[in-house]
Amino acid sequence: MTWEKPGNETDRVQKKTIVLRFLGFLLILVLAVPCALVQLRGNPLIGRTTDPDLLRPYLLAVCVKDIDETVKWYKDNLGFSILDKMDFPEYKVKIVLLVLQDFRLEIVEHQEQFSQEYIVSKIPEIKDWDHVFGMKKMAFVVDHLQPVFERLKKNGVKFQAEFMKGQGNWGDSFIVQDNNGNWIQIVEKQKKQNSLSKN
């Protein structure tokens, strides 16, 4: 008969428990980490992704009459900043690249371009620019609509539509015109309550 020191059985049970817990922790990591990576790759709210084929918004170009005036409008009213400036005298073109977070707006001025008003005036069948094929507007999302609405009102920005009730995946919103008549829609991300009155 072999004599064992008191407590040896208890020590073995404790060691076995620790080992089992450690193995369980490793199993959770093995199962959880791949699932988390899949969710991150497929989440459109995550800016960076390892998927090289996933398209992400990057740049929009707008042709304008006065590049300096337009740059000032977007800086003062929407918070854009200047990222770069380019001049191509051989093509009679000036470009200013603006940036707001990860979104770039390319402002283009061509000396020989025509305004929307001029084109509409020359073609009687066109009632307004909304009846012409092409880009209609750009949109930005905000957490709270009211402060942006009040700031643009105070700045004297021209409103195309002061309030539009959210429908489907759209939150409440309004539409303004920049200094060239381009439509810009500001959309509230959450539409639990109407943040603007119709008055």
Protein backbone atom coordinates (compact mmCIF):
# COMPACT_ATOMS: atom_id res chain seq x y z
CA MET A 1 0.00 0.00 0.00
CA THR A 2 1.40 3.39 -1.04
CA TRP A 3 1.21 6.30 1.31
CA GLU A 4 0.36 9.75 -0.23
CA LYS A 5 0.83 13.11 1.37
CA PRO A 6 -2.42 14.80 2.42
CA GLY A 7 -3.71 17.23 -0.15
CA ASN A 8 -2.27 15.54 -3.24
CA GLU A 9 -5.72 14.61 -4.55
CA THR A 10 -6.95 18.13 -4.03
CA ASP A 11 -3.97 19.53 -5.90
CA ARG A 12 -4.60 17.23 -8.83
CA VAL A 13 -8.26 18.31 -9.02
CA GLN A 14 -7.29 21.98 -8.94
CA LYS A 15 -4.67 21.51 -11.66
CA LYS A 16 -7.15 19.59 -13.79
CA THR A 17 -9.73 22.38 -13.35
CA ILE A 18 -7.20 25.03 -14.39
CA VAL A 19 -6.21 23.06 -17.48
CA LEU A 20 -9.86 22.54 -18.50
CA ARG A 21 -10.62 26.23 -18.06
CA PHE A 22 -7.60 27.17 -20.15
CA LEU A 23 -8.63 24.76 -22.92
CA GLY A 24 -12.16 26.19 -22.80
CA PHE A 25 -10.78 29.71 -23.17
CA LEU A 26 -8.72 28.66 -26.19
CA LEU A 27 -11.80 27.06 -27.75
CA ILE A 28 -13.77 30.29 -27.33
CA LEU A 29 -10.97 32.24 -29.05
CA VAL A 30 -10.82 29.76 -31.93
CA LEU A 31 -14.57 30.08 -32.51
CA ALA A 32 -15.09 33.77 -31.74
CA VAL A 33 -12.22 35.46 -33.58
CA PRO A 34 -13.11 34.20 -37.12
CA CYS A 35 -16.76 35.20 -36.56
CA ALA A 36 -15.71 38.68 -35.44
CA LEU A 37 -13.48 39.11 -38.48
CA VAL A 38 -16.29 38.12 -40.82
CA GLN A 39 -18.62 40.66 -39.21
CA LEU A 40 -16.03 43.43 -39.47
CA ARG A 41 -15.34 42.70 -43.13
CA GLY A 42 -19.03 42.75 -43.98
CA ASN A 43 -19.94 45.78 -41.89
CA PRO A 44 -20.48 48.89 -44.10
CA LEU A 45 -19.90 51.14 -41.08
CA ILE A 46 -16.29 50.00 -40.75
CA GLY A 47 -14.06 52.33 -42.77
CA ARG A 48 -11.16 49.93 -43.32
CA THR A 49 -11.58 46.48 -44.77
CA THR A 50 -9.38 43.66 -45.96
CA ASP A 51 -11.70 43.03 -48.93
CA PRO A 52 -9.98 44.62 -51.97
CA ASP A 53 -13.16 44.43 -54.05
CA LEU A 54 -15.42 46.37 -51.67
CA LEU A 55 -16.24 49.82 -53.09
CA ARG A 56 -16.18 52.78 -50.74
CA PRO A 57 -17.22 56.42 -51.42
CA TYR A 58 -14.16 58.48 -52.32
CA LEU A 59 -14.70 61.49 -54.60
CA LEU A 60 -17.30 63.56 -56.42
CA ALA A 61 -16.43 66.27 -58.98
CA VAL A 62 -18.49 69.42 -59.50
CA CYS A 63 -18.04 71.97 -62.30
CA VAL A 64 -18.53 75.57 -61.13
CA LYS A 65 -18.52 79.13 -62.42
CA ASP A 66 -16.26 80.66 -59.75
CA ILE A 67 -13.86 78.26 -58.04
CA ASP A 68 -12.81 80.63 -55.25
CA GLU A 69 -16.39 81.51 -54.35
CA THR A 70 -17.39 77.83 -54.37
CA VAL A 71 -14.47 76.74 -52.20
CA LYS A 72 -15.41 79.42 -49.66
CA TRP A 73 -19.06 78.24 -49.69
CA TYR A 74 -18.17 74.63 -48.91
CA LYS A 75 -15.64 75.63 -46.25
CA ASP A 76 -17.97 78.07 -44.48
CA ASN A 77 -21.19 76.06 -44.67
CA LEU A 78 -20.24 72.37 -44.69
CA GLY A 79 -16.84 72.37 -43.02
CA PHE A 80 -14.68 71.21 -45.93
CA SER A 81 -10.97 72.00 -45.99
CA ILE A 82 -8.54 72.36 -48.91
CA LEU A 83 -6.50 69.26 -49.66
CA ASP A 84 -4.83 70.27 -52.92
CA LYS A 85 -4.86 72.79 -55.77
CA MET A 86 -4.09 72.16 -59.44
CA ASP A 87 -3.90 74.44 -62.47
CA PHE A 88 -3.91 73.28 -66.11
CA PRO A 89 -3.60 76.45 -68.23
CA GLU A 90 -3.22 74.47 -71.45
CA TYR A 91 -6.75 73.12 -70.89
CA LYS A 92 -8.07 76.33 -69.29
CA VAL A 93 -8.95 74.35 -66.16
CA LYS A 94 -8.45 74.98 -62.45
CA ILE A 95 -9.11 72.34 -59.78
CA VAL A 96 -9.32 72.53 -56.00
CA LEU A 97 -9.62 69.28 -54.07
CA LEU A 98 -11.63 69.61 -50.86
CA VAL A 99 -11.91 67.01 -48.11
CA LEU A 100 -14.39 66.29 -45.33
CA GLN A 101 -13.35 63.30 -43.22
CA ASP A 102 -12.73 60.56 -45.85
CA PHE A 103 -14.85 62.19 -48.59
CA ARG A 104 -13.24 64.29 -51.32
CA LEU A 105 -14.98 66.93 -53.40
CA GLU A 106 -13.27 68.05 -56.60
CA ILE A 107 -14.18 71.62 -57.57
CA VAL A 108 -13.52 72.26 -61.27
CA GLU A 109 -13.57 75.58 -63.12
CA HIS A 110 -13.32 75.63 -66.91
CA GLN A 111 -13.07 78.97 -68.67
CA GLU A 112 -15.33 77.87 -71.54
CA GLN A 113 -18.06 76.00 -69.65
CA PHE A 114 -21.75 76.93 -69.71
CA SER A 115 -24.05 77.41 -66.72
CA GLN A 116 -27.26 75.46 -66.11
CA GLU A 117 -29.27 78.66 -66.52
CA TYR A 118 -27.73 79.33 -69.93
CA ILE A 119 -28.52 75.83 -71.20
CA VAL A 120 -32.10 76.00 -69.91
CA SER A 121 -32.58 79.41 -71.55
CA LYS A 122 -31.43 78.07 -74.93
CA ILE A 123 -33.68 74.99 -74.89
CA PRO A 124 -37.34 75.98 -74.25
CA GLU A 125 -38.38 72.34 -73.70
CA ILE A 126 -36.33 72.24 -70.51
CA LYS A 127 -38.42 73.71 -67.72
CA ASP A 128 -35.64 73.48 -65.17
CA TRP A 129 -32.44 71.55 -64.57
CA ASP A 130 -34.32 68.78 -62.77
CA HIS A 131 -35.56 67.58 -66.20
CA VAL A 132 -32.03 66.87 -67.49
CA PHE A 133 -30.27 63.51 -67.19
CA GLY A 134 -27.26 63.35 -64.88
CA MET A 135 -26.26 63.79 -61.26
CA LYS A 136 -29.01 65.44 -59.21
CA LYS A 137 -27.60 65.89 -55.74
CA MET A 138 -25.11 64.78 -53.12
CA ALA A 139 -26.12 63.89 -49.57
CA PHE A 140 -24.52 63.95 -46.14
CA VAL A 141 -25.70 62.23 -42.97
CA VAL A 142 -25.68 63.85 -39.52
CA ASP A 143 -26.59 62.65 -36.04
CA HIS A 144 -28.75 65.73 -35.33
CA LEU A 145 -30.48 67.67 -38.09
CA GLN A 146 -31.66 70.76 -36.21
CA PRO A 147 -28.26 72.39 -35.45
CA VAL A 148 -27.16 72.04 -39.08
CA PHE A 149 -30.49 73.44 -40.30
CA GLU A 150 -30.20 76.46 -38.01
CA ARG A 151 -26.56 77.13 -38.97
CA LEU A 152 -27.28 77.07 -42.70
CA LYS A 153 -30.35 79.26 -42.19
CA LYS A 154 -28.23 81.76 -40.28
CA ASN A 155 -25.63 81.73 -43.07
CA GLY A 156 -28.31 82.67 -45.61
CA VAL A 157 -28.02 79.45 -47.60
CA LYS A 158 -30.75 78.92 -50.21
CA PHE A 159 -33.12 76.06 -49.31
CA GLN A 160 -34.66 73.86 -51.99
CA ALA A 161 -36.77 71.95 -49.44
CA GLU A 162 -36.82 72.93 -45.76
CA PHE A 163 -38.24 69.68 -44.40
CA MET A 164 -38.86 66.20 -45.74
CA LYS A 165 -40.29 63.46 -43.57
CA GLY A 166 -38.13 60.34 -43.41
CA GLN A 167 -39.36 57.33 -45.37
CA GLY A 168 -38.01 53.80 -45.57
CA ASN A 169 -34.28 53.88 -44.85
CA TRP A 170 -34.13 57.68 -45.02
CA GLY A 171 -34.28 59.84 -41.92
CA ASP A 172 -35.76 63.33 -41.81
CA SER A 173 -33.88 65.67 -44.13
CA PHE A 174 -33.72 68.98 -45.98
CA ILE A 175 -32.15 70.09 -49.26
CA VAL A 176 -30.10 73.23 -49.90
CA GLN A 177 -28.44 74.68 -52.99
CA ASP A 178 -24.80 75.61 -53.12
CA ASN A 179 -23.71 78.86 -54.77
CA ASN A 180 -23.94 77.14 -58.19
CA GLY A 181 -27.43 75.72 -57.73
CA ASN A 182 -26.28 72.15 -57.00
CA TRP A 183 -28.57 70.26 -54.61
CA ILE A 184 -27.18 69.04 -51.30
CA GLN A 185 -29.33 66.90 -49.02
CA ILE A 186 -28.67 66.70 -45.29
CA VAL A 187 -30.15 63.55 -43.73
CA GLU A 188 -30.57 62.70 -40.06
CA LYS A 189 -29.19 59.25 -39.26
CA GLN A 190 -31.81 58.41 -36.65
CA LYS A 191 -35.46 59.17 -37.30
CA LYS A 192 -37.06 58.46 -33.93
CA GLN A 193 -38.72 61.85 -33.93
CA ASN A 194 -39.14 64.71 -36.36
CA SER A 195 -36.36 67.14 -35.52
CA LEU A 196 -37.79 69.98 -37.63
CA SER A 197 -41.24 71.46 -37.74
CA LYS A 198 -42.94 72.27 -41.03
CA ASN A 199 -43.40 75.89 -40.00
